[in-house]
Amino acid sequence: MTFSVYMPFLLFQYILGRTSIEMRFFILFTLLPLCIADPIKITMVDALPLEGETFDTVTYGKDIMFLFWNSSNRDDRMLKSSTWDMLATEKDKWVTSNNVTIAEMDCGLQKNNHFCTHFIAFNISNLTYPYIAYSHNNERFKKYNGSFEYPVLRTFLYEYFERTCSLNEIHCSDNDKKLLARWRNMTVKEQLREHIEINYLTQEKVKEFEKWKSALRNNFTLKLKELQEWTDDRDRIANMLLYEIKKESDLDVINKELEEIKRIAADKLSKQEL
């Protein structure tokens, strides 16, 4: 959808009636090229249409604002085709650090009726179309309670979804604000040096961790090998003893003694539990 904006010729009538002849000619030949120049064009982008059956799949993982509306209502159609699609068109002007999806759910379509009437993220029992839901980073959807005027919507879009501290100080911690204040008193050269230093310290910390992880792995491998050798040796000794027992004693005697040992162990265990 494209809109063309032209300078109104009523402006000339207003100016020509209130200036000298020389000034009239000057203004006329200065502004005339603006009137015959190519019109300003705004190519509108439609908001992403959502459907009830695929809603979870399409919206999962997105930063999103979407409009519940009814296409059978004239006012809803005007809101969707002008204000809401304009927000979808200009969203990247207001949130630059991440991609926000501006979407819409037409509840006037039969296929969306069940979803629109059974939306459970917030109470919709007393709501009438249109209304707006929004979510950041897969949080539970919330209901937008502000004005539907475009300047208010774009301000909300910026304040809620622009989470980068340097672009929106609403989301800065106290320490972030102190850093920003210090950096803003630096020259570009000083800022670049600090940026390099921050990255260097980060890389050194990662290297330190990798060395620790490598040493831990090596120590784990060594301890595992020692344990394996020790258990293998104990198993070997136990088997030697078992062969000696079988060689020197009758199987019935062995079983009798084994049962006696088990009985004594069970008695000791029961006494400990008491």
C-alpha atoms as a PDB file:
ATOM      1  CA  MET A   1       0.000   0.000   0.000  1.00  0.00           C
ATOM      2  CA  THR A   2       1.480   3.422  -1.038  1.00  0.00           C
ATOM      3  CA  PHE A   3       0.536   6.927   0.133  1.00  0.00           C
ATOM      4  CA  SER A   4       1.586  10.150  -1.753  1.00  0.00           C
ATOM      5  CA  VAL A   5       1.948  13.463   0.081  1.00  0.00           C
ATOM      6  CA  TYR A   6       1.816  16.778  -1.913  1.00  0.00           C
ATOM      7  CA  MET A   7       2.352  20.342  -0.698  1.00  0.00           C
ATOM      8  CA  PRO A   8      -1.026  22.108  -0.659  1.00  0.00           C
ATOM      9  CA  PHE A   9      -1.342  25.069  -3.013  1.00  0.00           C
ATOM     10  CA  LEU A  10      -3.343  26.920  -0.370  1.00  0.00           C
ATOM     11  CA  LEU A  11       0.039  27.715   1.152  1.00  0.00           C
ATOM     12  CA  PHE A  12       0.825  29.920  -1.861  1.00  0.00           C
ATOM     13  CA  GLN A  13      -2.431  31.786  -1.571  1.00  0.00           C
ATOM     14  CA  TYR A  14      -1.685  32.504   2.080  1.00  0.00           C
ATOM     15  CA  ILE A  15       1.877  33.693   1.354  1.00  0.00           C
ATOM     16  CA  LEU A  16       1.057  35.771  -1.735  1.00  0.00           C
ATOM     17  CA  GLY A  17      -1.570  37.698   0.157  1.00  0.00           C
ATOM     18  CA  ARG A  18       0.841  38.762   2.903  1.00  0.00           C
ATOM     19  CA  THR A  19       4.193  39.595   1.264  1.00  0.00           C
ATOM     20  CA  SER A  20       5.743  42.172  -1.054  1.00  0.00           C
ATOM     21  CA  ILE A  21       5.951  41.551  -4.797  1.00  0.00           C
ATOM     22  CA  GLU A  22       9.717  40.829  -4.637  1.00  0.00           C
ATOM     23  CA  MET A  23       9.258  38.398  -1.767  1.00  0.00           C
ATOM     24  CA  ARG A  24       6.369  36.760  -3.594  1.00  0.00           C
ATOM     25  CA  PHE A  25       8.570  35.966  -6.585  1.00  0.00           C
ATOM     26  CA  PHE A  26      11.374  34.735  -4.361  1.00  0.00           C
ATOM     27  CA  ILE A  27       9.101  32.403  -2.401  1.00  0.00           C
ATOM     28  CA  LEU A  28       7.286  31.276  -5.540  1.00  0.00           C
ATOM     29  CA  PHE A  29      10.432  30.186  -7.381  1.00  0.00           C
ATOM     30  CA  THR A  30      11.933  28.694  -4.214  1.00  0.00           C
ATOM     31  CA  LEU A  31       8.940  26.530  -3.321  1.00  0.00           C
ATOM     32  CA  LEU A  32       7.684  25.717  -6.807  1.00  0.00           C
ATOM     33  CA  PRO A  33      10.217  22.880  -7.343  1.00  0.00           C
ATOM     34  CA  LEU A  34       8.954  21.264  -4.155  1.00  0.00           C
ATOM     35  CA  CYS A  35       5.433  21.146  -5.558  1.00  0.00           C
ATOM     36  CA  ILE A  36       6.403  19.524  -8.853  1.00  0.00           C
ATOM     37  CA  ALA A  37       8.966  17.114  -7.370  1.00  0.00           C
ATOM     38  CA  ASP A  38       8.247  13.433  -7.006  1.00  0.00           C
ATOM     39  CA  PRO A  39       5.791  12.759  -4.201  1.00  0.00           C
ATOM     40  CA  ILE A  40       6.961  11.251  -0.929  1.00  0.00           C
ATOM     41  CA  LYS A  41       6.076   7.566  -0.976  1.00  0.00           C
ATOM     42  CA  ILE A  42       5.502   5.348   2.031  1.00  0.00           C
ATOM     43  CA  THR A  43       5.263   1.663   1.256  1.00  0.00           C
ATOM     44  CA  MET A  44       3.153   0.032   3.937  1.00  0.00           C
ATOM     45  CA  VAL A  45       4.001  -3.414   5.287  1.00  0.00           C
ATOM     46  CA  ASP A  46       1.102  -5.562   6.433  1.00  0.00           C
ATOM     47  CA  ALA A  47       1.234  -6.923   9.968  1.00  0.00           C
ATOM     48  CA  LEU A  48       1.897 -10.660  10.124  1.00  0.00           C
ATOM     49  CA  PRO A  49      -1.450 -12.511   9.954  1.00  0.00           C
ATOM     50  CA  LEU A  50      -1.861 -15.176  12.648  1.00  0.00           C
ATOM     51  CA  GLU A  51      -4.156 -18.195  12.658  1.00  0.00           C
ATOM     52  CA  GLY A  52      -5.438 -20.094  15.654  1.00  0.00           C
ATOM     53  CA  GLU A  53      -4.204 -23.525  14.504  1.00  0.00           C
ATOM     54  CA  THR A  54      -0.593 -22.414  13.997  1.00  0.00           C
ATOM     55  CA  PHE A  55      -0.415 -19.668  16.638  1.00  0.00           C
ATOM     56  CA  ASP A  56       1.991 -21.422  19.049  1.00  0.00           C
ATOM     57  CA  THR A  57       4.355 -22.517  16.287  1.00  0.00           C
ATOM     58  CA  VAL A  58       4.491 -19.110  14.601  1.00  0.00           C
ATOM     59  CA  THR A  59       4.839 -17.008  17.776  1.00  0.00           C
ATOM     60  CA  TYR A  60       7.215 -19.229  19.769  1.00  0.00           C
ATOM     61  CA  GLY A  61      10.500 -17.509  20.596  1.00  0.00           C
ATOM     62  CA  LYS A  62       9.429 -14.134  19.185  1.00  0.00           C
ATOM     63  CA  ASP A  63       9.229 -10.690  20.695  1.00  0.00           C
ATOM     64  CA  ILE A  64       5.725  -9.889  19.539  1.00  0.00           C
ATOM     65  CA  MET A  65       2.766  -7.522  19.686  1.00  0.00           C
ATOM     66  CA  PHE A  66      -0.424  -8.645  18.021  1.00  0.00           C
ATOM     67  CA  LEU A  67      -3.842  -7.144  17.473  1.00  0.00           C
ATOM     68  CA  PHE A  68      -7.124  -8.960  18.070  1.00  0.00           C
ATOM     69  CA  TRP A  69      -9.590  -7.356  15.633  1.00  0.00           C
ATOM     70  CA  ASN A  70     -12.756  -8.082  13.677  1.00  0.00           C
ATOM     71  CA  SER A  71     -12.690  -7.474   9.929  1.00  0.00           C
ATOM     72  CA  SER A  72     -16.481  -7.137   9.823  1.00  0.00           C
ATOM     73  CA  ASN A  73     -16.212  -3.911  11.849  1.00  0.00           C
ATOM     74  CA  ARG A  74     -15.409  -0.723   9.915  1.00  0.00           C
ATOM     75  CA  ASP A  75     -13.508   0.953  12.767  1.00  0.00           C
ATOM     76  CA  ASP A  76     -11.427  -2.189  13.255  1.00  0.00           C
ATOM     77  CA  ARG A  77     -10.570  -2.258   9.551  1.00  0.00           C
ATOM     78  CA  MET A  78      -9.483   1.386   9.686  1.00  0.00           C
ATOM     79  CA  LEU A  79      -7.293   0.752  12.742  1.00  0.00           C
ATOM     80  CA  LYS A  80      -5.678  -2.338  11.250  1.00  0.00           C
ATOM     81  CA  SER A  81      -5.012  -0.903   7.782  1.00  0.00           C
ATOM     82  CA  SER A  82      -3.655   2.428   9.014  1.00  0.00           C
ATOM     83  CA  THR A  83      -2.266   2.558  12.545  1.00  0.00           C
ATOM     84  CA  TRP A  84      -1.396  -1.104  13.022  1.00  0.00           C
ATOM     85  CA  ASP A  85       0.166  -1.664   9.592  1.00  0.00           C
ATOM     86  CA  MET A  86       2.090   1.597  10.011  1.00  0.00           C
ATOM     87  CA  LEU A  87       3.519   0.213  13.261  1.00  0.00           C
ATOM     88  CA  ALA A  88       4.555  -2.931  11.364  1.00  0.00           C
ATOM     89  CA  THR A  89       6.113  -0.738   8.678  1.00  0.00           C
ATOM     90  CA  GLU A  90       8.156   1.433  11.037  1.00  0.00           C
ATOM     91  CA  LYS A  91       8.902  -1.004  13.880  1.00  0.00           C
ATOM     92  CA  ASP A  92      12.605  -1.203  12.991  1.00  0.00           C
ATOM     93  CA  LYS A  93      12.896   2.566  13.508  1.00  0.00           C
ATOM     94  CA  TRP A  94      11.836   2.232  17.143  1.00  0.00           C
ATOM     95  CA  VAL A  95      13.485  -1.066  18.099  1.00  0.00           C
ATOM     96  CA  THR A  96      16.889  -1.565  16.482  1.00  0.00           C
ATOM     97  CA  SER A  97      18.625  -4.122  18.700  1.00  0.00           C
ATOM     98  CA  ASN A  98      16.301  -7.054  18.006  1.00  0.00           C
ATOM     99  CA  ASN A  99      13.491  -8.087  15.694  1.00  0.00           C
ATOM    100  CA  VAL A 100       9.975  -7.455  16.986  1.00  0.00           C
ATOM    101  CA  THR A 101       7.052  -9.064  15.192  1.00  0.00           C
ATOM    102  CA  ILE A 102       3.946  -6.924  14.691  1.00  0.00           C
ATOM    103  CA  ALA A 103       1.099  -9.330  14.001  1.00  0.00           C
ATOM    104  CA  GLU A 104      -2.684  -9.504  13.872  1.00  0.00           C
ATOM    105  CA  MET A 105      -5.427 -12.041  14.478  1.00  0.00           C
ATOM    106  CA  ASP A 106      -8.643 -11.462  12.503  1.00  0.00           C
ATOM    107  CA  CYS A 107     -11.324 -12.750  14.845  1.00  0.00           C
ATOM    108  CA  GLY A 108     -13.972 -12.113  12.198  1.00  0.00           C
ATOM    109  CA  LEU A 109     -12.755 -15.227  10.354  1.00  0.00           C
ATOM    110  CA  GLN A 110     -14.464 -18.476  11.252  1.00  0.00           C
ATOM    111  CA  LYS A 111     -11.148 -20.371  11.433  1.00  0.00           C
ATOM    112  CA  ASN A 112      -9.937 -18.057  14.219  1.00  0.00           C
ATOM    113  CA  ASN A 113     -13.172 -17.916  16.216  1.00  0.00           C
ATOM    114  CA  HIS A 114     -12.292 -20.664  18.715  1.00  0.00           C
ATOM    115  CA  PHE A 115      -8.826 -19.261  19.433  1.00  0.00           C
ATOM    116  CA  CYS A 116     -10.130 -15.698  19.861  1.00  0.00           C
ATOM    117  CA  THR A 117     -12.852 -16.763  22.291  1.00  0.00           C
ATOM    118  CA  HIS A 118     -10.637 -19.146  24.299  1.00  0.00           C
ATOM    119  CA  PHE A 119      -7.447 -17.103  24.654  1.00  0.00           C
ATOM    120  CA  ILE A 120      -6.227 -17.894  28.179  1.00  0.00           C
ATOM    121  CA  ALA A 121      -3.155 -15.687  28.714  1.00  0.00           C
ATOM    122  CA  PHE A 122      -5.346 -13.030  30.325  1.00  0.00           C
ATOM    123  CA  ASN A 123      -9.038 -12.534  31.067  1.00  0.00           C
ATOM    124  CA  ILE A 124     -10.946 -11.723  27.867  1.00  0.00           C
ATOM    125  CA  SER A 125     -14.470 -12.256  29.197  1.00  0.00           C
ATOM    126  CA  ASN A 126     -15.385  -8.562  29.245  1.00  0.00           C
ATOM    127  CA  LEU A 127     -13.236  -7.384  26.348  1.00  0.00           C
ATOM    128  CA  THR A 128     -14.432  -6.166  22.975  1.00  0.00           C
ATOM    129  CA  TYR A 129     -12.338  -5.924  19.830  1.00  0.00           C
ATOM    130  CA  PRO A 130      -9.854  -4.501  19.224  1.00  0.00           C
ATOM    131  CA  TYR A 131      -7.301  -5.246  21.905  1.00  0.00           C
ATOM    132  CA  ILE A 132      -3.573  -6.004  21.926  1.00  0.00           C
ATOM    133  CA  ALA A 133      -1.440  -8.757  23.446  1.00  0.00           C
ATOM    134  CA  TYR A 134       2.336  -8.639  23.736  1.00  0.00           C
ATOM    135  CA  SER A 135       5.186 -10.864  24.891  1.00  0.00           C
ATOM    136  CA  HIS A 136       8.952 -10.556  25.298  1.00  0.00           C
ATOM    137  CA  ASN A 137      11.175 -13.635  25.083  1.00  0.00           C
ATOM    138  CA  ASN A 138       8.399 -16.234  25.482  1.00  0.00           C
ATOM    139  CA  GLU A 139       6.968 -14.673  28.632  1.00  0.00           C
ATOM    140  CA  ARG A 140       3.235 -15.080  29.261  1.00  0.00           C
ATOM    141  CA  PHE A 141       1.209 -12.773  27.022  1.00  0.00           C
ATOM    142  CA  LYS A 142       0.043  -9.554  28.645  1.00  0.00           C
ATOM    143  CA  LYS A 143      -2.761  -7.197  27.674  1.00  0.00           C
ATOM    144  CA  TYR A 144      -1.814  -3.745  26.399  1.00  0.00           C
ATOM    145  CA  ASN A 145      -3.769  -1.081  28.320  1.00  0.00           C
ATOM    146  CA  GLY A 146      -2.600   2.092  26.616  1.00  0.00           C
ATOM    147  CA  SER A 147      -3.987   4.333  23.901  1.00  0.00           C
ATOM    148  CA  PHE A 148      -4.365   3.115  20.296  1.00  0.00           C
ATOM    149  CA  GLU A 149      -2.970   6.394  18.968  1.00  0.00           C
ATOM    150  CA  TYR A 150       0.096   5.755  16.826  1.00  0.00           C
ATOM    151  CA  PRO A 151       2.555   7.931  18.833  1.00  0.00           C
ATOM    152  CA  VAL A 152       1.569   6.130  22.047  1.00  0.00           C
ATOM    153  CA  LEU A 153       1.874   2.687  20.426  1.00  0.00           C
ATOM    154  CA  ARG A 154       5.315   3.381  19.005  1.00  0.00           C
ATOM    155  CA  THR A 155       6.491   4.778  22.352  1.00  0.00           C
ATOM    156  CA  PHE A 156       5.319   1.608  24.094  1.00  0.00           C
ATOM    157  CA  LEU A 157       7.006  -0.521  21.425  1.00  0.00           C
ATOM    158  CA  TYR A 158      10.301   1.264  22.059  1.00  0.00           C
ATOM    159  CA  GLU A 159      10.117   1.353  25.846  1.00  0.00           C
ATOM    160  CA  TYR A 160       9.111  -2.287  26.271  1.00  0.00           C
ATOM    161  CA  PHE A 161      11.005  -4.101  23.526  1.00  0.00           C
ATOM    162  CA  GLU A 162      14.191  -2.037  23.152  1.00  0.00           C
ATOM    163  CA  ARG A 163      16.098  -3.785  25.936  1.00  0.00           C
ATOM    164  CA  THR A 164      19.604  -2.568  25.049  1.00  0.00           C
ATOM    165  CA  CYS A 165      20.720  -0.256  27.847  1.00  0.00           C
ATOM    166  CA  SER A 166      22.629   2.210  25.675  1.00  0.00           C
ATOM    167  CA  LEU A 167      19.535   2.661  23.475  1.00  0.00           C
ATOM    168  CA  ASN A 168      16.943   2.698  26.249  1.00  0.00           C
ATOM    169  CA  GLU A 169      18.046   3.601  29.769  1.00  0.00           C
ATOM    170  CA  ILE A 170      14.788   2.311  31.255  1.00  0.00           C
ATOM    171  CA  HIS A 171      16.421  -1.120  31.123  1.00  0.00           C
ATOM    172  CA  CYS A 172      19.774  -0.038  32.620  1.00  0.00           C
ATOM    173  CA  SER A 173      20.929  -1.212  36.015  1.00  0.00           C
ATOM    174  CA  ASP A 174      22.435   1.317  38.430  1.00  0.00           C
ATOM    175  CA  ASN A 175      25.895   0.094  37.490  1.00  0.00           C
ATOM    176  CA  ASP A 176      25.064   0.428  33.771  1.00  0.00           C
ATOM    177  CA  LYS A 177      24.041   4.052  34.323  1.00  0.00           C
ATOM    178  CA  LYS A 178      27.333   4.797  36.119  1.00  0.00           C
ATOM    179  CA  LEU A 179      29.279   3.268  33.236  1.00  0.00           C
ATOM    180  CA  LEU A 180      27.326   5.256  30.649  1.00  0.00           C
ATOM    181  CA  ALA A 181      27.910   8.484  32.571  1.00  0.00           C
ATOM    182  CA  ARG A 182      31.667   7.784  32.713  1.00  0.00           C
ATOM    183  CA  TRP A 183      31.920   6.795  29.060  1.00  0.00           C
ATOM    184  CA  ARG A 184      30.038   9.896  27.925  1.00  0.00           C
ATOM    185  CA  ASN A 185      32.736  12.044  29.521  1.00  0.00           C
ATOM    186  CA  MET A 186      35.459  10.264  27.532  1.00  0.00           C
ATOM    187  CA  THR A 187      36.904  11.056  24.149  1.00  0.00           C
ATOM    188  CA  VAL A 188      36.324   8.589  21.307  1.00  0.00           C
ATOM    189  CA  LYS A 189      39.918   7.429  21.667  1.00  0.00           C
ATOM    190  CA  GLU A 190      39.442   6.724  25.362  1.00  0.00           C
ATOM    191  CA  GLN A 191      36.189   4.879  24.679  1.00  0.00           C
ATOM    192  CA  LEU A 192      37.866   2.698  22.042  1.00  0.00           C
ATOM    193  CA  ARG A 193      40.728   1.862  24.401  1.00  0.00           C
ATOM    194  CA  GLU A 194      38.282   0.821  27.132  1.00  0.00           C
ATOM    195  CA  HIS A 195      36.311  -1.262  24.634  1.00  0.00           C
ATOM    196  CA  ILE A 196      39.496  -3.076  23.623  1.00  0.00           C
ATOM    197  CA  GLU A 197      40.419  -3.616  27.278  1.00  0.00           C
ATOM    198  CA  ILE A 198      36.963  -5.033  28.108  1.00  0.00           C
ATOM    199  CA  ASN A 199      37.194  -7.484  25.218  1.00  0.00           C
ATOM    200  CA  TYR A 200      40.759  -8.433  26.177  1.00  0.00           C
ATOM    201  CA  LEU A 201      39.802  -9.168  29.793  1.00  0.00           C
ATOM    202  CA  THR A 202      36.842 -11.218  28.593  1.00  0.00           C
ATOM    203  CA  GLN A 203      39.071 -13.296  26.322  1.00  0.00           C
ATOM    204  CA  GLU A 204      41.590 -13.808  29.128  1.00  0.00           C
ATOM    205  CA  LYS A 205      38.807 -15.015  31.435  1.00  0.00           C
ATOM    206  CA  VAL A 206      37.651 -17.481  28.791  1.00  0.00           C
ATOM    207  CA  LYS A 207      41.221 -18.740  28.329  1.00  0.00           C
ATOM    208  CA  GLU A 208      41.580 -19.156  32.098  1.00  0.00           C
ATOM    209  CA  PHE A 209      38.387 -21.210  32.205  1.00  0.00           C
ATOM    210  CA  GLU A 210      39.527 -23.377  29.292  1.00  0.00           C
ATOM    211  CA  LYS A 211      42.815 -24.090  31.102  1.00  0.00           C
ATOM    212  CA  TRP A 212      40.906 -25.012  34.260  1.00  0.00           C
ATOM    213  CA  LYS A 213      38.565 -27.244  32.267  1.00  0.00           C
ATOM    214  CA  SER A 214      41.493 -28.959  30.556  1.00  0.00           C
ATOM    215  CA  ALA A 215      43.261 -29.555  33.887  1.00  0.00           C
ATOM    216  CA  LEU A 216      40.033 -30.860  35.380  1.00  0.00           C
ATOM    217  CA  ARG A 217      39.565 -33.225  32.457  1.00  0.00           C
ATOM    218  CA  ASN A 218      43.135 -34.474  32.741  1.00  0.00           C
ATOM    219  CA  ASN A 219      42.777 -34.965  36.497  1.00  0.00           C
ATOM    220  CA  PHE A 220      39.478 -36.767  35.993  1.00  0.00           C
ATOM    221  CA  THR A 221      41.056 -39.063  33.415  1.00  0.00           C
ATOM    222  CA  LEU A 222      43.969 -39.802  35.771  1.00  0.00           C
ATOM    223  CA  LYS A 223      41.666 -40.512  38.741  1.00  0.00           C
ATOM    224  CA  LEU A 224      39.423 -42.698  36.604  1.00  0.00           C
ATOM    225  CA  LYS A 225      42.418 -44.710  35.438  1.00  0.00           C
ATOM    226  CA  GLU A 226      43.636 -45.133  39.040  1.00  0.00           C
ATOM    227  CA  LEU A 227      40.168 -46.283  40.133  1.00  0.00           C
ATOM    228  CA  GLN A 228      39.924 -48.743  37.290  1.00  0.00           C
ATOM    229  CA  GLU A 229      43.326 -50.227  38.075  1.00  0.00           C
ATOM    230  CA  TRP A 230      42.484 -50.480  41.794  1.00  0.00           C
ATOM    231  CA  THR A 231      39.086 -52.161  41.195  1.00  0.00           C
ATOM    232  CA  ASP A 232      40.624 -54.566  38.674  1.00  0.00           C
ATOM    233  CA  ASP A 233      43.238 -55.566  41.243  1.00  0.00           C
ATOM    234  CA  ARG A 234      40.632 -55.997  44.010  1.00  0.00           C
ATOM    235  CA  ASP A 235      38.502 -58.132  41.692  1.00  0.00           C
ATOM    236  CA  ARG A 236      41.569 -60.241  40.898  1.00  0.00           C
ATOM    237  CA  ILE A 237      42.340 -60.765  44.616  1.00  0.00           C
ATOM    238  CA  ALA A 238      38.708 -61.580  45.408  1.00  0.00           C
ATOM    239  CA  ASN A 239      38.656 -64.185  42.648  1.00  0.00           C
ATOM    240  CA  MET A 240      41.913 -65.696  43.950  1.00  0.00           C
ATOM    241  CA  LEU A 241      40.336 -66.073  47.387  1.00  0.00           C
ATOM    242  CA  LEU A 242      37.180 -67.584  45.907  1.00  0.00           C
ATOM    243  CA  TYR A 243      39.222 -70.197  44.059  1.00  0.00           C
ATOM    244  CA  GLU A 244      41.017 -71.070  47.320  1.00  0.00           C
ATOM    245  CA  ILE A 245      37.709 -71.453  49.157  1.00  0.00           C
ATOM    246  CA  LYS A 246      36.286 -73.717  46.457  1.00  0.00           C
ATOM    247  CA  LYS A 247      39.496 -75.741  46.309  1.00  0.00           C
ATOM    248  CA  GLU A 248      39.698 -76.404  50.050  1.00  0.00           C
ATOM    249  CA  SER A 249      36.011 -76.718  51.053  1.00  0.00           C
ATOM    250  CA  ASP A 250      32.896 -78.698  50.058  1.00  0.00           C
ATOM    251  CA  LEU A 251      30.149 -76.714  48.285  1.00  0.00           C
ATOM    252  CA  ASP A 252      27.555 -77.573  50.979  1.00  0.00           C
ATOM    253  CA  VAL A 253      29.884 -76.278  53.682  1.00  0.00           C
ATOM    254  CA  ILE A 254      30.465 -73.105  51.727  1.00  0.00           C
ATOM    255  CA  ASN A 255      26.717 -72.489  51.319  1.00  0.00           C
ATOM    256  CA  LYS A 256      26.083 -73.205  55.040  1.00  0.00           C
ATOM    257  CA  GLU A 257      28.787 -70.782  56.154  1.00  0.00           C
ATOM    258  CA  LEU A 258      27.553 -68.186  53.678  1.00  0.00           C
ATOM    259  CA  GLU A 259      24.018 -68.389  55.052  1.00  0.00           C
ATOM    260  CA  GLU A 260      25.348 -67.994  58.604  1.00  0.00           C
ATOM    261  CA  ILE A 261      27.296 -64.902  57.580  1.00  0.00           C
ATOM    262  CA  LYS A 262      24.186 -63.420  55.977  1.00  0.00           C
ATOM    263  CA  ARG A 263      22.131 -64.133  59.139  1.00  0.00           C
ATOM    264  CA  ILE A 264      24.666 -62.442  61.402  1.00  0.00           C
ATOM    265  CA  ALA A 265      24.824 -59.426  59.060  1.00  0.00           C
ATOM    266  CA  ALA A 266      21.030 -59.174  58.999  1.00  0.00           C
ATOM    267  CA  ASP A 267      20.882 -59.276  62.816  1.00  0.00           C
ATOM    268  CA  LYS A 268      23.428 -56.507  63.100  1.00  0.00           C
ATOM    269  CA  LEU A 269      21.513 -54.403  60.575  1.00  0.00           C
ATOM    270  CA  SER A 270      18.204 -54.830  62.399  1.00  0.00           C
ATOM    271  CA  LYS A 271      19.815 -53.845  65.723  1.00  0.00           C
ATOM    272  CA  GLN A 272      21.257 -50.717  64.148  1.00  0.00           C
ATOM    273  CA  GLU A 273      17.841 -49.733  62.818  1.00  0.00           C
ATOM    274  CA  LEU A 274      16.376 -50.114  66.321  1.00  0.00           C
END
